Amino acid sequence: MSVSPLQLSQYFVEELSLQINPDYLPGPEPQFGDVQVAPNGPEHRTDGQKVLHLVVELRPAEDHWKSFPYMVKIAARGAFLLDGSLEQEEADRLLLFNGSAILLGLMRAQVAQATALCEYGAVWIPTLNLVDLFSSQKDDSTPGELSVDAAHVVVAKPKRKARATAKTELQE
């Protein structure tokens, strides 16, 4: 097994915002949400690392507004080392696809953990085909940025146990 020429050296979350959808109506049907993925980079640092910035937003789908519980935005930045064996264009492509996949996995865990503490339970960033998403790049995007149209996804409905209620009686 060979080691990838792309290695994550550090990452951090720059923003994590979470809002409950006030119109959400829990029900037995699947939850429909839209996901927006926007990478930006690479940024070349003086220490030789390349930085990729990734923003992911989950929100209710317009046509299913009441069936998705949250609006979530997470932004993260990852610093990557490349071993120098790749041409610039190939290195940037590897960073875009593999770097985004690495950051997306780390961000998925953060979103799942944050939403798990909320009333309607955990949701997570779905597994995405980044090749398809990134090939839908808008013609008007500037170099170093990639705008991706929202992808319609179904997020599995979290299973929640019914809340128990307790009654106490006072005896005299």
Protein backbone atom coordinates (compact mmCIF):
# COMPACT_ATOMS: atom_id res chain seq x y z
CA MET A 1 0.00 0.00 0.00
CA SER A 2 1.36 3.41 -0.91
CA VAL A 3 0.87 6.63 1.00
CA SER A 4 -0.92 9.46 -0.77
CA PRO A 5 1.23 12.39 -1.89
CA LEU A 6 -1.38 14.59 -0.16
CA GLN A 7 -1.29 14.64 3.64
CA LEU A 8 -3.44 16.69 6.02
CA SER A 9 -1.21 18.51 8.50
CA GLN A 10 -3.89 20.47 10.37
CA TYR A 11 -7.48 21.60 10.13
CA PHE A 12 -9.81 23.80 12.08
CA VAL A 13 -13.44 24.81 12.01
CA GLU A 14 -13.90 28.52 11.34
CA GLU A 15 -17.68 28.61 11.64
CA LEU A 16 -20.41 26.31 12.82
CA SER A 17 -23.90 27.77 12.90
CA LEU A 18 -27.04 25.82 13.62
CA GLN A 19 -30.62 26.98 13.64
CA ILE A 20 -33.75 24.92 14.19
CA ASN A 21 -36.32 25.27 11.42
CA PRO A 22 -39.34 26.79 13.22
CA ASP A 23 -41.66 25.37 10.54
CA TYR A 24 -40.40 21.78 10.92
CA LEU A 25 -43.14 19.19 11.30
CA PRO A 26 -41.80 15.84 12.50
CA GLY A 27 -43.38 12.92 10.72
CA PRO A 28 -42.76 9.41 9.44
CA GLU A 29 -41.69 10.55 5.94
CA PRO A 30 -38.01 10.98 5.00
CA GLN A 31 -36.45 14.37 5.59
CA PHE A 32 -35.49 16.34 2.50
CA GLY A 33 -32.69 18.85 2.61
CA ASP A 34 -30.42 20.65 0.20
CA VAL A 35 -26.68 20.68 0.57
CA GLN A 36 -24.38 23.36 -0.84
CA VAL A 37 -20.63 22.74 -1.03
CA ALA A 38 -18.21 25.56 -1.85
CA PRO A 39 -14.44 24.96 -1.89
CA ASN A 40 -11.97 27.80 -2.19
CA GLY A 41 -8.29 27.39 -2.80
CA PRO A 42 -5.62 26.42 -2.93
CA GLU A 43 -3.93 29.12 -0.95
CA HIS A 44 -0.16 28.70 -1.04
CA ARG A 45 1.58 29.33 2.27
CA THR A 46 5.21 30.32 2.67
CA ASP A 47 5.93 27.08 4.55
CA GLY A 48 5.08 25.03 1.44
CA GLN A 49 1.66 23.90 2.61
CA LYS A 50 -1.48 24.40 0.57
CA VAL A 51 -4.67 25.50 2.30
CA LEU A 52 -8.15 24.52 1.21
CA HIS A 53 -11.23 26.31 2.57
CA LEU A 54 -14.55 24.45 2.43
CA VAL A 55 -18.03 25.73 3.28
CA VAL A 56 -20.99 23.35 3.55
CA GLU A 57 -24.58 24.37 4.13
CA LEU A 58 -27.54 22.10 4.89
CA ARG A 59 -31.01 23.56 4.77
CA PRO A 60 -34.60 22.51 4.09
CA ALA A 61 -35.38 21.93 0.42
CA GLU A 62 -37.65 24.64 -0.98
CA ASP A 63 -40.30 22.09 -1.99
CA HIS A 64 -40.10 20.26 1.37
CA TRP A 65 -39.48 23.19 3.74
CA LYS A 66 -41.36 21.68 6.69
CA SER A 67 -39.71 18.24 6.49
CA PHE A 68 -36.12 19.15 7.45
CA PRO A 69 -35.33 20.21 11.04
CA TYR A 70 -32.23 22.41 10.75
CA MET A 71 -30.31 25.05 8.86
CA VAL A 72 -26.60 24.32 9.29
CA LYS A 73 -23.50 26.08 8.00
CA ILE A 74 -19.98 24.86 8.65
CA ALA A 75 -16.75 26.33 7.30
CA ALA A 76 -13.39 24.63 7.75
CA ARG A 77 -9.85 25.17 6.58
CA GLY A 78 -7.30 22.41 6.09
CA ALA A 79 -3.55 22.72 5.56
CA PHE A 80 -2.07 20.00 3.37
CA LEU A 81 1.44 18.90 2.50
CA LEU A 82 2.24 17.59 -0.98
CA ASP A 83 5.34 15.52 -1.54
CA GLY A 84 6.45 17.48 -4.62
CA SER A 85 6.21 14.59 -7.07
CA LEU A 86 3.20 16.07 -8.86
CA GLU A 87 2.87 18.79 -11.48
CA GLN A 88 1.10 21.95 -10.23
CA GLU A 89 -2.20 21.25 -12.05
CA GLU A 90 -2.31 17.64 -10.85
CA ALA A 91 -1.45 18.71 -7.28
CA ASP A 92 -4.25 21.32 -7.29
CA ARG A 93 -6.74 18.74 -8.62
CA LEU A 94 -5.70 16.25 -5.94
CA LEU A 95 -6.12 18.94 -3.30
CA LEU A 96 -9.56 19.91 -4.62
CA PHE A 97 -10.99 16.38 -4.75
CA ASN A 98 -9.11 14.46 -2.06
CA GLY A 99 -8.64 17.45 0.24
CA SER A 100 -12.36 18.26 0.04
CA ALA A 101 -13.23 14.61 0.75
CA ILE A 102 -10.97 14.62 3.82
CA LEU A 103 -12.39 17.89 5.15
CA LEU A 104 -15.96 16.79 4.37
CA GLY A 105 -15.54 13.70 6.55
CA LEU A 106 -14.24 15.77 9.45
CA MET A 107 -17.02 18.33 9.02
CA ARG A 108 -19.65 15.55 8.87
CA ALA A 109 -18.66 14.44 12.36
CA GLN A 110 -18.88 18.01 13.73
CA VAL A 111 -22.38 18.52 12.26
CA ALA A 112 -23.59 15.15 13.57
CA GLN A 113 -22.27 15.93 17.04
CA ALA A 114 -23.80 19.42 17.16
CA THR A 115 -27.22 18.35 15.88
CA ALA A 116 -27.27 15.34 18.21
CA LEU A 117 -27.65 17.79 21.08
CA CYS A 118 -30.74 19.36 19.49
CA GLU A 119 -34.40 18.54 19.91
CA TYR A 120 -34.80 16.55 16.68
CA GLY A 121 -31.62 14.50 16.88
CA ALA A 122 -28.58 14.13 14.70
CA VAL A 123 -28.38 14.78 11.00
CA TRP A 124 -25.21 14.55 9.02
CA ILE A 125 -23.72 15.80 5.81
CA PRO A 126 -24.53 13.08 3.29
CA THR A 127 -21.92 11.24 1.28
CA LEU A 128 -21.48 13.25 -1.90
CA ASN A 129 -20.03 12.53 -5.32
CA LEU A 130 -17.55 15.39 -5.45
CA VAL A 131 -16.56 14.67 -9.05
CA ASP A 132 -20.16 15.28 -10.19
CA LEU A 133 -20.59 18.29 -7.91
CA PHE A 134 -17.37 19.99 -8.93
CA SER A 135 -17.87 19.28 -12.64
CA SER A 136 -21.05 21.40 -12.43
CA GLN A 137 -18.87 24.48 -11.88
CA LYS A 138 -20.55 27.67 -13.00
CA ASP A 139 -18.91 29.39 -15.96
CA ASP A 140 -18.79 32.72 -14.10
CA SER A 141 -16.75 31.50 -11.13
CA THR A 142 -13.40 33.14 -10.66
CA PRO A 143 -10.13 31.19 -10.54
CA GLY A 144 -9.52 29.65 -7.14
CA GLU A 145 -13.22 29.51 -6.35
CA LEU A 146 -15.85 26.95 -7.22
CA SER A 147 -19.56 27.54 -6.92
CA VAL A 148 -21.60 24.38 -6.79
CA ASP A 149 -25.34 24.34 -7.22
CA ALA A 150 -27.30 22.82 -4.36
CA ALA A 151 -27.68 19.06 -4.56
CA HIS A 152 -30.99 17.62 -3.40
CA VAL A 153 -30.40 14.98 -0.77
CA VAL A 154 -32.45 12.88 1.61
CA VAL A 155 -31.14 12.73 5.15
CA ALA A 156 -32.22 9.71 7.16
CA LYS A 157 -34.79 10.52 9.80
CA PRO A 158 -33.28 10.26 13.27
CA LYS A 159 -34.99 7.83 15.57
CA ARG A 160 -35.92 9.33 18.89
CA LYS A 161 -37.38 7.53 21.83
CA ALA A 162 -40.62 8.90 23.16
CA ARG A 163 -40.05 11.18 26.07
CA ALA A 164 -41.03 9.65 29.33
CA THR A 165 -43.18 11.59 31.71
CA ALA A 166 -43.35 10.92 35.38
CA LYS A 167 -46.21 11.61 37.72
CA THR A 168 -45.73 11.89 41.41
CA GLU A 169 -48.38 11.71 44.02
CA LEU A 170 -48.18 13.39 47.34
CA GLN A 171 -49.44 11.29 50.15
CA GLU A 172 -50.50 12.83 53.36
